[in-house]
Amino acid sequence: MKKTILTFVATVFLTTAFSCSSDDNDAPVDPIIGKWNQESFTIDGVEQTLTDCDREFFYRFNAEGFEIFVSEFFNGQCRKDNDMGTWERDAENPLKYSGVILSDPDDPIAFELNQEGTVLSEISIRNFNGTGRLETLIFIYTKE
């Protein structure tokens, strides 16, 4: 009887231990994949106040590209729009990415993850109201 119980326990253990399989074809998921909500932004190092409308701005990255959901206060209204784009990882620095919004491919976007992969920064330089004065904008997003 003891032999039967031991054989049964050993069979159950071995079946359980070796029946769990891992799919070796699954590549690790890139840490940029997911939804990133806007938390803050600065213009030339000066912190800007986010409105409730601004807080609805987010990116959603997947393996094929990204969607951008723009939400900004403009002319007294919360204006919303969305677009799609592509992204790629910097070959030399795994925390840096570049992206292009499909409707404006001539204006690349630079993204950078923090070491933990929990904070995404978007850095852009723009011409201030067409004056020729350049300003640096840094948008901070956190992963949902």
C-alpha atoms as a PDB file:
ATOM      1  CA  MET A   1       0.000   0.000   0.000  1.00  0.00           C
ATOM      2  CA  LYS A   2       2.854   2.399   0.895  1.00  0.00           C
ATOM      3  CA  LYS A   3       4.514   1.589  -2.408  1.00  0.00           C
ATOM      4  CA  THR A   4       1.307   2.434  -4.303  1.00  0.00           C
ATOM      5  CA  ILE A   5       0.924   5.769  -2.501  1.00  0.00           C
ATOM      6  CA  LEU A   6       4.582   6.668  -3.067  1.00  0.00           C
ATOM      7  CA  THR A   7       4.308   5.729  -6.749  1.00  0.00           C
ATOM      8  CA  PHE A   8       1.157   7.839  -7.069  1.00  0.00           C
ATOM      9  CA  VAL A   9       2.735  10.875  -5.315  1.00  0.00           C
ATOM     10  CA  ALA A  10       5.903  10.556  -7.415  1.00  0.00           C
ATOM     11  CA  THR A  11       3.849  10.307 -10.619  1.00  0.00           C
ATOM     12  CA  VAL A  12       1.784  13.373  -9.728  1.00  0.00           C
ATOM     13  CA  PHE A  13       4.933  15.328  -8.805  1.00  0.00           C
ATOM     14  CA  LEU A  14       6.810  14.409 -11.974  1.00  0.00           C
ATOM     15  CA  THR A  15       3.789  15.025 -14.193  1.00  0.00           C
ATOM     16  CA  THR A  16       3.259  18.450 -12.648  1.00  0.00           C
ATOM     17  CA  ALA A  17       6.940  19.375 -12.724  1.00  0.00           C
ATOM     18  CA  PHE A  18       7.454  18.494 -16.381  1.00  0.00           C
ATOM     19  CA  SER A  19       4.059  19.372 -17.845  1.00  0.00           C
ATOM     20  CA  CYS A  20       4.535  23.111 -17.365  1.00  0.00           C
ATOM     21  CA  SER A  21       5.983  24.407 -20.539  1.00  0.00           C
ATOM     22  CA  SER A  22       7.368  27.738 -21.497  1.00  0.00           C
ATOM     23  CA  ASP A  23       7.093  28.996 -25.003  1.00  0.00           C
ATOM     24  CA  ASP A  24      10.663  29.708 -26.030  1.00  0.00           C
ATOM     25  CA  ASN A  25       9.339  31.613 -29.051  1.00  0.00           C
ATOM     26  CA  ASP A  26       7.873  34.357 -26.855  1.00  0.00           C
ATOM     27  CA  ALA A  27      10.200  37.334 -27.015  1.00  0.00           C
ATOM     28  CA  PRO A  28      10.350  39.532 -23.926  1.00  0.00           C
ATOM     29  CA  VAL A  29       7.864  42.388 -24.002  1.00  0.00           C
ATOM     30  CA  ASP A  30       9.496  45.765 -24.562  1.00  0.00           C
ATOM     31  CA  PRO A  31       8.960  47.961 -21.469  1.00  0.00           C
ATOM     32  CA  ILE A  32       7.547  50.819 -23.584  1.00  0.00           C
ATOM     33  CA  ILE A  33       4.510  48.703 -24.504  1.00  0.00           C
ATOM     34  CA  GLY A  34       1.419  49.812 -22.617  1.00  0.00           C
ATOM     35  CA  LYS A  35      -0.596  52.923 -21.836  1.00  0.00           C
ATOM     36  CA  TRP A  36       1.284  56.038 -20.680  1.00  0.00           C
ATOM     37  CA  ASN A  37      -0.663  58.883 -19.025  1.00  0.00           C
ATOM     38  CA  GLN A  38       0.624  62.452 -18.973  1.00  0.00           C
ATOM     39  CA  GLU A  39       1.714  63.502 -15.494  1.00  0.00           C
ATOM     40  CA  SER A  40       3.544  66.778 -16.025  1.00  0.00           C
ATOM     41  CA  PHE A  41       5.421  68.937 -18.484  1.00  0.00           C
ATOM     42  CA  THR A  42       7.946  71.739 -18.526  1.00  0.00           C
ATOM     43  CA  ILE A  43       8.780  74.444 -21.024  1.00  0.00           C
ATOM     44  CA  ASP A  44      12.420  75.550 -20.859  1.00  0.00           C
ATOM     45  CA  GLY A  45      12.655  73.990 -17.398  1.00  0.00           C
ATOM     46  CA  VAL A  46       9.587  75.769 -15.986  1.00  0.00           C
ATOM     47  CA  GLU A  47       6.884  73.446 -14.634  1.00  0.00           C
ATOM     48  CA  GLN A  48       3.512  74.006 -16.298  1.00  0.00           C
ATOM     49  CA  THR A  49       0.117  73.570 -14.660  1.00  0.00           C
ATOM     50  CA  LEU A  50      -1.888  70.683 -16.078  1.00  0.00           C
ATOM     51  CA  THR A  51      -5.612  71.165 -16.540  1.00  0.00           C
ATOM     52  CA  ASP A  52      -8.057  68.278 -16.213  1.00  0.00           C
ATOM     53  CA  CYS A  53      -8.152  68.319 -20.009  1.00  0.00           C
ATOM     54  CA  ASP A  54      -4.332  67.967 -20.207  1.00  0.00           C
ATOM     55  CA  ARG A  55      -4.477  64.940 -17.903  1.00  0.00           C
ATOM     56  CA  GLU A  56      -6.525  63.048 -20.522  1.00  0.00           C
ATOM     57  CA  PHE A  57      -3.541  63.084 -22.930  1.00  0.00           C
ATOM     58  CA  PHE A  58      -1.890  59.669 -23.296  1.00  0.00           C
ATOM     59  CA  TYR A  59       0.109  57.323 -25.521  1.00  0.00           C
ATOM     60  CA  ARG A  60      -0.670  53.648 -26.077  1.00  0.00           C
ATOM     61  CA  PHE A  61       2.321  51.695 -27.407  1.00  0.00           C
ATOM     62  CA  ASN A  62       2.098  48.217 -28.891  1.00  0.00           C
ATOM     63  CA  ALA A  63       4.533  46.077 -30.872  1.00  0.00           C
ATOM     64  CA  GLU A  64       3.410  47.529 -34.215  1.00  0.00           C
ATOM     65  CA  GLY A  65       3.405  51.244 -33.311  1.00  0.00           C
ATOM     66  CA  PHE A  66       1.577  53.673 -31.073  1.00  0.00           C
ATOM     67  CA  GLU A  67      -1.588  55.710 -30.769  1.00  0.00           C
ATOM     68  CA  ILE A  68      -1.471  59.221 -29.384  1.00  0.00           C
ATOM     69  CA  PHE A  69      -4.575  60.644 -27.740  1.00  0.00           C
ATOM     70  CA  VAL A  70      -4.185  64.411 -27.657  1.00  0.00           C
ATOM     71  CA  SER A  71      -6.262  66.367 -25.198  1.00  0.00           C
ATOM     72  CA  GLU A  72      -5.490  70.061 -24.748  1.00  0.00           C
ATOM     73  CA  PHE A  73      -7.223  73.209 -23.640  1.00  0.00           C
ATOM     74  CA  PHE A  74      -7.507  75.490 -26.669  1.00  0.00           C
ATOM     75  CA  ASN A  75      -9.662  78.609 -27.183  1.00  0.00           C
ATOM     76  CA  GLY A  76     -11.647  77.882 -24.028  1.00  0.00           C
ATOM     77  CA  GLN A  77     -12.435  74.271 -24.913  1.00  0.00           C
ATOM     78  CA  CYS A  78     -10.963  70.854 -24.272  1.00  0.00           C
ATOM     79  CA  ARG A  79      -9.960  69.775 -27.755  1.00  0.00           C
ATOM     80  CA  LYS A  80      -9.341  66.069 -28.356  1.00  0.00           C
ATOM     81  CA  ASP A  81      -7.755  64.304 -31.269  1.00  0.00           C
ATOM     82  CA  ASN A  82      -5.861  61.116 -31.930  1.00  0.00           C
ATOM     83  CA  ASP A  83      -3.255  59.890 -34.363  1.00  0.00           C
ATOM     84  CA  MET A  84      -1.016  56.908 -34.945  1.00  0.00           C
ATOM     85  CA  GLY A  85       2.692  56.498 -35.301  1.00  0.00           C
ATOM     86  CA  THR A  86       5.648  54.192 -35.354  1.00  0.00           C
ATOM     87  CA  TRP A  87       8.442  53.751 -32.838  1.00  0.00           C
ATOM     88  CA  GLU A  88      11.805  52.042 -32.636  1.00  0.00           C
ATOM     89  CA  ARG A  89      14.359  51.400 -29.941  1.00  0.00           C
ATOM     90  CA  ASP A  90      17.760  53.073 -30.102  1.00  0.00           C
ATOM     91  CA  ALA A  91      20.311  50.377 -30.930  1.00  0.00           C
ATOM     92  CA  GLU A  92      22.972  51.976 -28.703  1.00  0.00           C
ATOM     93  CA  ASN A  93      20.830  52.837 -25.667  1.00  0.00           C
ATOM     94  CA  PRO A  94      17.959  50.481 -24.731  1.00  0.00           C
ATOM     95  CA  LEU A  95      16.204  53.221 -22.716  1.00  0.00           C
ATOM     96  CA  LYS A  96      15.911  55.591 -25.680  1.00  0.00           C
ATOM     97  CA  TYR A  97      13.325  55.409 -28.445  1.00  0.00           C
ATOM     98  CA  SER A  98      12.368  57.475 -31.449  1.00  0.00           C
ATOM     99  CA  GLY A  99       8.926  57.862 -32.917  1.00  0.00           C
ATOM    100  CA  VAL A 100       7.139  59.455 -35.826  1.00  0.00           C
ATOM    101  CA  ILE A 101       3.499  60.491 -35.967  1.00  0.00           C
ATOM    102  CA  LEU A 102       2.181  59.325 -39.314  1.00  0.00           C
ATOM    103  CA  SER A 103       0.409  62.600 -40.103  1.00  0.00           C
ATOM    104  CA  ASP A 104       3.660  64.544 -39.512  1.00  0.00           C
ATOM    105  CA  PRO A 105       6.606  62.265 -40.409  1.00  0.00           C
ATOM    106  CA  ASP A 106       9.019  65.220 -40.661  1.00  0.00           C
ATOM    107  CA  ASP A 107       8.770  65.929 -36.907  1.00  0.00           C
ATOM    108  CA  PRO A 108      10.399  63.004 -35.038  1.00  0.00           C
ATOM    109  CA  ILE A 109       9.762  62.429 -31.335  1.00  0.00           C
ATOM    110  CA  ALA A 110      12.425  61.403 -28.810  1.00  0.00           C
ATOM    111  CA  PHE A 111      11.342  59.184 -25.903  1.00  0.00           C
ATOM    112  CA  GLU A 112      13.357  57.964 -22.943  1.00  0.00           C
ATOM    113  CA  LEU A 113      12.452  55.500 -20.193  1.00  0.00           C
ATOM    114  CA  ASN A 114      13.798  55.702 -16.678  1.00  0.00           C
ATOM    115  CA  GLN A 115      15.897  52.767 -15.452  1.00  0.00           C
ATOM    116  CA  GLU A 116      12.886  51.073 -13.807  1.00  0.00           C
ATOM    117  CA  GLY A 117      10.729  51.413 -16.939  1.00  0.00           C
ATOM    118  CA  THR A 118       7.998  53.297 -15.047  1.00  0.00           C
ATOM    119  CA  VAL A 119       8.450  56.865 -16.311  1.00  0.00           C
ATOM    120  CA  LEU A 120       8.530  57.891 -19.962  1.00  0.00           C
ATOM    121  CA  SER A 121       9.873  61.289 -21.020  1.00  0.00           C
ATOM    122  CA  GLU A 122       9.116  62.923 -24.349  1.00  0.00           C
ATOM    123  CA  ILE A 123      11.571  65.640 -25.347  1.00  0.00           C
ATOM    124  CA  SER A 124      10.820  68.059 -28.151  1.00  0.00           C
ATOM    125  CA  ILE A 125      12.098  71.399 -29.344  1.00  0.00           C
ATOM    126  CA  ARG A 126       9.703  73.749 -31.052  1.00  0.00           C
ATOM    127  CA  ASN A 127       9.693  77.170 -32.626  1.00  0.00           C
ATOM    128  CA  PHE A 128       7.801  79.404 -30.193  1.00  0.00           C
ATOM    129  CA  ASN A 129       4.775  80.795 -32.064  1.00  0.00           C
ATOM    130  CA  GLY A 130       6.794  81.105 -35.266  1.00  0.00           C
ATOM    131  CA  THR A 131       9.166  83.673 -33.715  1.00  0.00           C
ATOM    132  CA  GLY A 132      12.317  81.663 -34.365  1.00  0.00           C
ATOM    133  CA  ARG A 133      12.948  81.331 -30.606  1.00  0.00           C
ATOM    134  CA  LEU A 134      13.332  77.663 -29.787  1.00  0.00           C
ATOM    135  CA  GLU A 135      11.911  76.233 -26.577  1.00  0.00           C
ATOM    136  CA  THR A 136      12.432  72.803 -25.059  1.00  0.00           C
ATOM    137  CA  LEU A 137       9.388  70.883 -23.914  1.00  0.00           C
ATOM    138  CA  ILE A 138       9.646  67.821 -21.696  1.00  0.00           C
ATOM    139  CA  PHE A 139       6.516  65.780 -21.120  1.00  0.00           C
ATOM    140  CA  ILE A 140       6.451  63.149 -18.371  1.00  0.00           C
ATOM    141  CA  TYR A 141       4.195  60.081 -18.582  1.00  0.00           C
ATOM    142  CA  THR A 142       3.640  57.246 -16.135  1.00  0.00           C
ATOM    143  CA  LYS A 143       2.621  53.748 -17.096  1.00  0.00           C
ATOM    144  CA  GLU A 144      -0.880  52.634 -16.270  1.00  0.00           C
END
